[in-house]
Amino acid sequence: MSKGLLGINASLIYSSNYFVYNETLVSSNSTVMGNYVSAVDHSEGLHKFQESYRPIHGYLAAIVCVFGVIANILNIIILTRKNMISSTNIILTGLAISDGLTMAVYFPYALQMYVIYGTLPHPNRDTIGCARFQMAYAILSVILHSISIWLTVTLAVFRYVFIRFPRRGAKLCSVKRAKLSVIIVSIVVTIVCIPNSVNYSIYSETMSALKMDTTKVNGTIFWIDVKNTYFWEQVMKKCNFWIQATLVKIIPCVLLTIFSFLLVRTMRGAERRRKLLMSQTSCTPNNGETQPIGNGSKRSKRSIRTTRMLLTVVILFLITEIPQGVMHVLSDLIENFFHKVYTPLGDLMDILTLINNGINFVLYCTMSKQFRDTFLMMFCSCFPKLVDRRKLTNVTTIGATRDSEV
């Protein structure tokens, strides 16, 4: 079925002339492309890569999805603890929910379309029930992934405002506004994806497939494709393509790039101010005694550490999204680009997106001390010495937590 369904507008994936089911499923003049057969020739190198990677994609994707769903559940549990409540963590919780659901719906798709029946069309696999599942999956996965993209943009905006305007940042980026932002993003993105959601239809065709023992099996296969019969359907398809290209790919990637640059620049300025503050090792109050002034420095250092972690999340997201966005646009501008370039790389982009959806737990554990301490307190009670050693730090961090701090 899909190639890179997580990565681009799903309507591309089922474009017309995309499926060529015929009586000679295995023939010398046709190239097997994922779950269908096409007479379109591939570039030699990309086609070889596709042929070598496709057999393992389903198994690899299923494993990544299992661990990713578990990791995102842990993220949700930890980030919603009372001591972890902050505007940043509210947005990260929304991101964990959308990422976890994306991986949860991809798991049965990977099993059905790659593992259980293999990657070739077959009447036993491509049933009417399977086609209905594919349609639901195509719609839901695009919505969930688009929500993740815009929540990442929201995260970058919140963090930039917080560190750029330190006095007003906590008020502007309050927990209440973070919750409202997550709700608004989810609703607006779902509405934007409505044209994509109503763009599909189920088609069928009788075919004969070759079993492993070379005996023929006759039957009807079902698949989904974009409606493209009438003029208004062709217009809808074109409009939907550019809606997805601009609002789900181009604009978010541009915004994330801009705010990544601004975050780096602002973070460097904050680091310089922190070092300047640390150089003033003492201050003299009215009684003439010298006292340390470390509290502000520690708070600033914690803020920089949080910003660095969130910047890593944003950059990793950009690494997977920018190539997909570029290929999304080129697929419409260059003839046969989709078939020759995007299709062979679709599975690879899917697995990279899935890995990115599940990797945040590792980032939080390695880059956020508060997240790590909370995780150990909740799930490592069987190691009392390890937990006891961190209790004091954890309690101290609880009192220090403010809006947009992790």
Protein backbone atom coordinates (compact mmCIF):
# COMPACT_ATOMS: atom_id res chain seq x y z
CA MET A 1 0.00 0.00 0.00
CA SER A 2 1.70 3.13 1.18
CA LYS A 3 5.15 4.43 0.71
CA GLY A 4 6.08 6.98 3.30
CA LEU A 5 2.52 7.37 4.53
CA LEU A 6 3.74 9.02 7.72
CA GLY A 7 5.93 11.36 5.78
CA ILE A 8 3.68 13.01 3.19
CA ASN A 9 0.11 13.62 2.25
CA ALA A 10 -1.43 10.21 1.88
CA SER A 11 -3.33 11.22 -1.23
CA LEU A 12 -0.07 11.14 -3.14
CA ILE A 13 0.36 7.53 -2.23
CA TYR A 14 -2.82 6.41 -3.90
CA SER A 15 -2.61 8.64 -6.97
CA SER A 16 -4.14 7.48 -10.22
CA ASN A 17 -2.23 5.04 -12.40
CA TYR A 18 -0.53 3.96 -9.22
CA PHE A 19 -1.72 0.40 -9.18
CA VAL A 20 -1.34 -1.91 -12.16
CA TYR A 21 -2.85 -5.24 -11.21
CA ASN A 22 -2.74 -7.74 -14.06
CA GLU A 23 -2.73 -11.41 -14.79
CA THR A 24 1.06 -11.59 -14.88
CA LEU A 25 1.95 -10.45 -11.39
CA VAL A 26 5.51 -11.62 -11.78
CA SER A 27 6.68 -10.59 -15.23
CA SER A 28 9.82 -9.30 -16.84
CA ASN A 29 8.43 -5.92 -17.86
CA SER A 30 6.94 -4.87 -14.53
CA THR A 31 8.58 -3.76 -11.33
CA VAL A 32 7.24 -4.73 -7.93
CA MET A 33 6.84 -1.55 -5.89
CA GLY A 34 5.93 -2.30 -2.29
CA ASN A 35 2.40 -3.62 -2.32
CA TYR A 36 1.57 -3.11 -5.99
CA VAL A 37 3.01 -3.56 -9.48
CA SER A 38 3.98 -0.69 -11.72
CA ALA A 39 5.39 -0.44 -15.21
CA VAL A 40 7.25 2.72 -14.19
CA ASP A 41 10.98 2.14 -14.13
CA HIS A 42 13.03 3.04 -11.07
CA SER A 43 16.48 4.48 -10.79
CA GLU A 44 18.79 1.52 -10.54
CA GLY A 45 20.34 2.25 -7.16
CA LEU A 46 17.13 3.25 -5.39
CA HIS A 47 15.30 0.25 -6.77
CA LYS A 48 17.99 -2.11 -5.48
CA PHE A 49 17.83 -0.45 -2.07
CA GLN A 50 14.06 -0.81 -2.01
CA GLU A 51 14.25 -4.48 -2.93
CA SER A 52 16.82 -5.21 -0.22
CA TYR A 53 15.14 -3.21 2.56
CA ARG A 54 11.46 -4.03 1.97
CA PRO A 55 11.57 -7.60 3.37
CA ILE A 56 12.84 -6.40 6.76
CA HIS A 57 10.85 -3.17 7.02
CA GLY A 58 7.71 -4.72 8.48
CA TYR A 59 9.59 -6.57 11.22
CA LEU A 60 11.76 -3.56 12.05
CA ALA A 61 8.80 -1.18 12.07
CA ALA A 62 6.77 -3.50 14.33
CA ILE A 63 9.63 -3.69 16.86
CA VAL A 64 10.14 0.08 16.80
CA CYS A 65 6.40 0.63 17.27
CA VAL A 66 6.22 -1.66 20.32
CA PHE A 67 9.11 0.05 22.08
CA GLY A 68 7.93 3.48 20.91
CA VAL A 69 4.42 3.03 22.29
CA ILE A 70 5.84 1.88 25.64
CA ALA A 71 8.28 4.82 25.70
CA ASN A 72 5.53 7.34 24.99
CA ILE A 73 3.30 5.84 27.67
CA LEU A 74 6.17 6.30 30.13
CA ASN A 75 6.57 9.88 28.90
CA ILE A 76 2.89 10.58 29.56
CA ILE A 77 2.98 9.01 33.03
CA ILE A 78 6.09 10.91 34.12
CA LEU A 79 5.29 14.28 32.52
CA THR A 80 1.84 14.38 34.16
CA ARG A 81 3.18 13.87 37.70
CA LYS A 82 2.36 16.72 40.04
CA ASN A 83 5.98 17.79 40.41
CA MET A 84 6.43 17.80 36.62
CA ILE A 85 3.50 20.02 35.68
CA SER A 86 4.69 22.94 33.55
CA SER A 87 3.73 24.53 30.25
CA THR A 88 6.59 22.82 28.44
CA ASN A 89 5.63 19.43 29.86
CA ILE A 90 1.98 19.94 28.90
CA ILE A 91 3.03 20.35 25.27
CA LEU A 92 5.46 17.43 25.54
CA THR A 93 2.60 15.31 26.91
CA GLY A 94 0.45 16.20 23.90
CA LEU A 95 3.38 15.32 21.65
CA ALA A 96 3.80 11.97 23.42
CA ILE A 97 0.09 11.19 22.94
CA SER A 98 0.11 11.98 19.21
CA ASP A 99 3.43 10.16 18.64
CA GLY A 100 2.27 7.14 20.63
CA LEU A 101 -1.01 6.91 18.73
CA THR A 102 0.82 7.28 15.41
CA MET A 103 2.98 4.27 16.27
CA ALA A 104 0.01 2.35 17.65
CA VAL A 105 -1.90 2.60 14.35
CA TYR A 106 1.21 1.83 12.29
CA PHE A 107 1.83 -1.44 14.16
CA PRO A 108 -1.17 -3.42 12.77
CA TYR A 109 -0.55 -1.89 9.34
CA ALA A 110 3.05 -3.17 9.35
CA LEU A 111 1.90 -6.64 10.38
CA GLN A 112 -0.88 -6.80 7.79
CA MET A 113 0.95 -5.33 4.80
CA TYR A 114 4.50 -6.59 5.36
CA VAL A 115 4.79 -9.43 7.87
CA ILE A 116 1.78 -11.77 7.80
CA TYR A 117 1.06 -11.88 4.06
CA GLY A 118 4.21 -10.36 2.62
CA THR A 119 4.46 -7.27 0.46
CA LEU A 120 2.85 -8.54 -2.77
CA PRO A 121 -0.87 -8.09 -3.56
CA HIS A 122 -2.89 -11.19 -2.73
CA PRO A 123 -6.63 -11.93 -2.39
CA ASN A 124 -6.08 -13.30 1.10
CA ARG A 125 -4.44 -10.07 2.19
CA ASP A 126 -6.18 -7.36 0.18
CA THR A 127 -9.74 -8.01 1.35
CA ILE A 128 -12.51 -5.44 1.68
CA GLY A 129 -11.88 -5.37 5.43
CA CYS A 130 -8.19 -4.69 4.84
CA ALA A 131 -9.04 -1.85 2.44
CA ARG A 132 -11.32 -0.27 5.03
CA PHE A 133 -8.55 -0.53 7.61
CA GLN A 134 -6.12 1.05 5.14
CA MET A 135 -8.49 3.96 4.62
CA ALA A 136 -8.91 4.52 8.36
CA TYR A 137 -5.16 4.22 8.84
CA ALA A 138 -4.37 6.63 5.98
CA ILE A 139 -6.69 9.27 7.44
CA LEU A 140 -5.73 8.84 11.09
CA SER A 141 -1.97 8.62 10.59
CA VAL A 142 -1.85 11.86 8.59
CA ILE A 143 -3.91 13.70 11.24
CA LEU A 144 -1.82 12.40 14.15
CA HIS A 145 1.50 13.09 12.48
CA SER A 146 0.36 16.58 11.49
CA ILE A 147 -0.62 17.27 15.11
CA SER A 148 2.85 16.17 16.21
CA ILE A 149 4.43 18.57 13.71
CA TRP A 150 2.45 21.58 14.91
CA LEU A 151 2.90 20.69 18.59
CA THR A 152 6.64 20.73 17.95
CA VAL A 153 6.27 24.21 16.45
CA THR A 154 4.23 25.26 19.49
CA LEU A 155 6.94 23.90 21.77
CA ALA A 156 9.62 25.93 19.99
CA VAL A 157 7.51 29.11 20.17
CA PHE A 158 6.77 28.68 23.89
CA ARG A 159 10.39 28.04 24.73
CA TYR A 160 11.66 30.99 22.73
CA VAL A 161 9.17 33.37 24.37
CA PHE A 162 10.09 32.03 27.81
CA ILE A 163 13.83 32.60 27.49
CA ARG A 164 13.62 35.72 25.30
CA PHE A 165 11.32 37.55 27.71
CA PRO A 166 12.32 36.19 31.15
CA ARG A 167 10.11 38.57 33.15
CA ARG A 168 6.92 38.06 31.15
CA GLY A 169 7.69 34.59 29.83
CA ALA A 170 6.19 32.66 32.75
CA LYS A 171 2.91 34.55 32.39
CA LEU A 172 2.78 34.42 28.60
CA CYS A 173 3.66 30.70 28.60
CA SER A 174 1.44 29.60 31.47
CA VAL A 175 0.18 26.06 32.00
CA LYS A 176 -3.35 27.16 31.14
CA ARG A 177 -2.23 28.63 27.82
CA ALA A 178 -0.20 25.51 27.06
CA LYS A 179 -3.27 23.30 27.56
CA LEU A 180 -5.33 25.64 25.39
CA SER A 181 -2.65 25.58 22.68
CA VAL A 182 -2.60 21.77 22.58
CA ILE A 183 -6.40 21.68 22.22
CA ILE A 184 -6.45 24.37 19.51
CA VAL A 185 -3.65 22.68 17.53
CA SER A 186 -5.46 19.33 17.65
CA ILE A 187 -8.78 20.81 16.50
CA VAL A 188 -7.38 23.06 13.75
CA VAL A 189 -5.12 20.34 12.32
CA THR A 190 -8.03 17.89 12.22
CA ILE A 191 -10.11 20.45 10.31
CA VAL A 192 -7.25 21.15 7.88
CA CYS A 193 -7.00 17.40 7.19
CA ILE A 194 -10.70 17.05 6.31
CA PRO A 195 -10.08 17.43 2.52
CA ASN A 196 -7.54 14.63 2.76
CA SER A 197 -9.91 12.49 4.82
CA VAL A 198 -12.76 12.60 2.28
CA ASN A 199 -10.50 12.12 -0.71
CA TYR A 200 -10.39 8.31 -0.79
CA SER A 201 -12.49 5.56 -2.26
CA ILE A 202 -12.23 1.76 -2.29
CA TYR A 203 -11.61 0.01 -5.62
CA SER A 204 -11.46 -3.65 -6.58
CA GLU A 205 -10.18 -5.86 -9.37
CA THR A 206 -10.01 -9.57 -10.09
CA MET A 207 -6.52 -10.95 -10.30
CA SER A 208 -4.55 -14.17 -10.15
CA ALA A 209 -1.54 -14.36 -7.90
CA LEU A 210 1.30 -16.84 -7.80
CA LYS A 211 1.73 -18.73 -4.55
CA MET A 212 5.12 -19.80 -3.32
CA ASP A 213 4.53 -23.22 -4.87
CA THR A 214 3.72 -21.45 -8.20
CA THR A 215 0.06 -22.53 -8.13
CA LYS A 216 -2.33 -19.82 -9.24
CA VAL A 217 -4.91 -18.32 -6.89
CA ASN A 218 -7.78 -16.38 -8.42
CA GLY A 219 -9.65 -13.78 -6.42
CA THR A 220 -10.62 -10.16 -5.96
CA ILE A 221 -8.31 -7.65 -4.38
CA PHE A 222 -9.36 -4.34 -2.85
CA TRP A 223 -7.32 -1.18 -2.42
CA ILE A 224 -7.87 2.51 -1.78
CA ASP A 225 -7.10 5.30 -4.19
CA VAL A 226 -7.69 9.02 -4.45
CA LYS A 227 -10.90 10.00 -6.19
CA ASN A 228 -9.84 11.30 -9.59
CA THR A 229 -12.70 10.60 -12.00
CA TYR A 230 -14.56 13.90 -12.20
CA PHE A 231 -13.16 17.39 -12.69
CA TRP A 232 -14.09 18.54 -9.18
CA GLU A 233 -12.33 15.49 -7.76
CA GLN A 234 -9.17 16.39 -9.68
CA VAL A 235 -9.40 19.96 -8.37
CA MET A 236 -9.92 18.66 -4.83
CA LYS A 237 -6.91 16.39 -5.21
CA LYS A 238 -4.71 19.29 -6.33
CA CYS A 239 -5.95 21.63 -3.60
CA ASN A 240 -5.51 18.97 -0.96
CA PHE A 241 -1.95 18.36 -2.13
CA TRP A 242 -0.93 21.98 -1.69
CA ILE A 243 -2.85 22.37 1.57
CA GLN A 244 -0.85 19.49 2.97
CA ALA A 245 2.37 20.73 1.38
CA THR A 246 2.12 24.26 2.77
CA LEU A 247 0.32 23.84 6.10
CA VAL A 248 1.74 20.48 7.16
CA LYS A 249 5.23 20.54 5.63
CA ILE A 250 6.62 23.82 4.30
CA ILE A 251 5.36 26.33 6.89
CA PRO A 252 6.11 24.15 9.96
CA CYS A 253 9.62 23.35 8.69
CA VAL A 254 10.32 27.04 7.99
CA LEU A 255 9.03 28.04 11.43
CA LEU A 256 11.01 25.32 13.18
CA THR A 257 14.17 26.36 11.33
CA ILE A 258 13.67 30.02 12.30
CA PHE A 259 12.94 29.28 15.95
CA SER A 260 15.82 26.82 16.14
CA PHE A 261 18.15 29.62 15.04
CA LEU A 262 16.55 32.06 17.49
CA LEU A 263 16.77 29.54 20.34
CA VAL A 264 20.46 28.92 19.69
CA ARG A 265 21.20 32.64 19.58
CA THR A 266 19.17 33.38 22.71
CA MET A 267 20.64 30.41 24.55
CA ARG A 268 24.17 31.62 23.82
CA GLY A 269 23.25 35.03 25.20
CA ALA A 270 21.82 33.43 28.33
CA GLU A 271 24.96 31.34 28.73
CA ARG A 272 27.12 34.46 28.53
CA ARG A 273 24.99 36.16 31.19
CA ARG A 274 25.21 33.09 33.43
CA LYS A 275 28.99 33.01 33.18
CA LEU A 276 29.11 36.72 33.96
CA LEU A 277 26.94 36.13 37.02
CA MET A 278 29.13 33.25 38.16
CA SER A 279 32.21 35.44 37.86
CA GLN A 280 30.68 37.62 40.56
CA THR A 281 31.37 35.05 43.24
CA SER A 282 29.97 37.12 46.07
CA CYS A 283 27.91 40.17 46.83
CA THR A 284 28.03 42.54 49.80
CA PRO A 285 24.78 43.21 51.71
CA ASN A 286 24.18 46.00 54.20
CA ASN A 287 26.05 44.24 57.01
CA GLY A 288 29.22 44.20 54.95
CA GLU A 289 29.50 40.39 54.82
CA THR A 290 30.03 38.53 51.55
CA GLN A 291 27.51 35.86 50.56
CA PRO A 292 27.26 33.53 47.56
CA ILE A 293 24.75 34.35 44.81
CA GLY A 294 24.37 30.89 43.34
CA ASN A 295 20.56 30.55 43.25
CA GLY A 296 20.06 32.70 40.16
CA SER A 297 22.97 31.02 38.43
CA LYS A 298 21.59 27.55 39.14
CA ARG A 299 18.17 28.55 37.84
CA SER A 300 19.72 29.98 34.69
CA LYS A 301 21.81 26.86 34.17
CA ARG A 302 18.72 24.66 34.54
CA SER A 303 16.85 26.81 32.02
CA ILE A 304 19.69 26.53 29.51
CA ARG A 305 19.79 22.76 30.01
CA THR A 306 16.06 22.54 29.36
CA THR A 307 16.34 24.70 26.24
CA ARG A 308 19.18 22.55 24.95
CA MET A 309 17.07 19.41 25.35
CA LEU A 310 14.05 20.93 23.61
CA LEU A 311 16.28 22.23 20.83
CA THR A 312 17.52 18.67 20.29
CA VAL A 313 13.90 17.49 19.99
CA VAL A 314 13.19 20.19 17.39
CA ILE A 315 16.35 19.54 15.35
CA LEU A 316 15.74 15.78 15.22
CA PHE A 317 12.23 16.52 14.04
CA LEU A 318 13.58 18.78 11.30
CA ILE A 319 16.06 16.13 10.15
CA THR A 320 13.18 13.77 9.34
CA GLU A 321 10.66 16.34 8.11
CA ILE A 322 12.68 18.58 5.76
CA PRO A 323 13.63 15.80 3.27
CA GLN A 324 10.01 14.61 3.23
CA GLY A 325 8.73 18.14 2.66
CA VAL A 326 11.15 18.72 -0.22
CA MET A 327 10.18 15.44 -1.89
CA HIS A 328 6.51 16.20 -1.29
CA VAL A 329 6.78 19.37 -3.40
CA LEU A 330 9.05 17.82 -6.04
CA SER A 331 6.57 14.96 -6.49
CA ASP A 332 4.12 17.44 -7.99
CA LEU A 333 6.63 19.58 -9.86
CA ILE A 334 8.77 16.90 -11.53
CA GLU A 335 7.25 14.20 -13.70
CA ASN A 336 7.75 10.65 -12.39
CA PHE A 337 9.73 11.95 -9.39
CA PHE A 338 7.27 10.26 -7.04
CA HIS A 339 7.66 6.87 -8.68
CA LYS A 340 11.38 7.03 -9.33
CA VAL A 341 12.60 8.65 -6.11
CA TYR A 342 9.97 8.89 -3.40
CA THR A 343 8.48 5.42 -3.65
CA PRO A 344 11.79 3.53 -3.21
CA LEU A 345 12.61 5.71 -0.20
CA GLY A 346 9.12 5.64 1.34
CA ASP A 347 9.71 2.76 3.74
CA LEU A 348 13.01 4.25 4.88
CA MET A 349 11.36 7.58 5.64
CA ASP A 350 8.59 5.79 7.52
CA ILE A 351 11.04 3.99 9.79
CA LEU A 352 13.00 7.20 10.42
CA THR A 353 9.76 8.96 11.37
CA LEU A 354 8.79 6.10 13.69
CA ILE A 355 12.20 6.17 15.38
CA ASN A 356 11.88 9.92 15.85
CA ASN A 357 8.42 9.41 17.38
CA GLY A 358 9.83 7.02 19.97
CA ILE A 359 13.21 8.52 20.77
CA ASN A 360 12.08 11.37 23.02
CA PHE A 361 12.07 9.17 26.12
CA VAL A 362 15.78 8.55 25.65
CA LEU A 363 16.40 12.28 25.18
CA TYR A 364 14.47 13.17 28.33
CA CYS A 365 16.29 10.57 30.41
CA THR A 366 19.73 11.62 29.23
CA MET A 367 19.22 15.39 29.16
CA SER A 368 16.70 16.17 31.93
CA LYS A 369 17.74 15.45 35.51
CA GLN A 370 14.25 16.07 36.87
CA PHE A 371 12.69 13.65 34.37
CA ARG A 372 15.34 11.06 35.19
CA ASP A 373 14.89 11.46 38.96
CA THR A 374 11.11 11.21 38.68
CA PHE A 375 11.42 8.07 36.55
CA LEU A 376 13.73 6.45 39.11
CA MET A 377 11.42 7.37 41.99
CA MET A 378 8.42 5.85 40.20
CA PHE A 379 9.83 2.74 38.54
CA CYS A 380 13.06 1.85 40.34
CA SER A 381 11.82 1.32 43.88
CA CYS A 382 13.45 -2.11 43.76
CA PHE A 383 16.80 -0.30 43.94
CA PRO A 384 16.42 1.58 47.25
CA LYS A 385 20.00 2.82 47.39
CA LEU A 386 19.71 4.38 43.94
CA VAL A 387 16.40 6.03 44.83
CA ASP A 388 17.52 7.25 48.26
CA ARG A 389 20.55 8.90 46.77
CA ARG A 390 18.30 10.99 44.51
CA LYS A 391 15.48 11.80 46.91
CA LEU A 392 16.98 15.03 48.16
CA THR A 393 17.68 16.22 44.63
CA ASN A 394 14.17 15.32 43.52
CA VAL A 395 12.51 17.14 46.42
CA THR A 396 14.66 20.20 45.76
CA THR A 397 13.73 20.15 42.09
CA ILE A 398 10.02 19.97 42.92
CA GLY A 399 10.21 23.30 44.67
CA ALA A 400 12.27 24.82 41.89
CA THR A 401 9.95 23.85 39.04
CA ARG A 402 8.33 26.77 37.22
CA ASP A 403 6.36 27.19 34.04
CA SER A 404 8.24 25.89 31.03
CA GLU A 405 10.89 24.15 33.13
CA VAL A 406 11.57 20.42 32.72
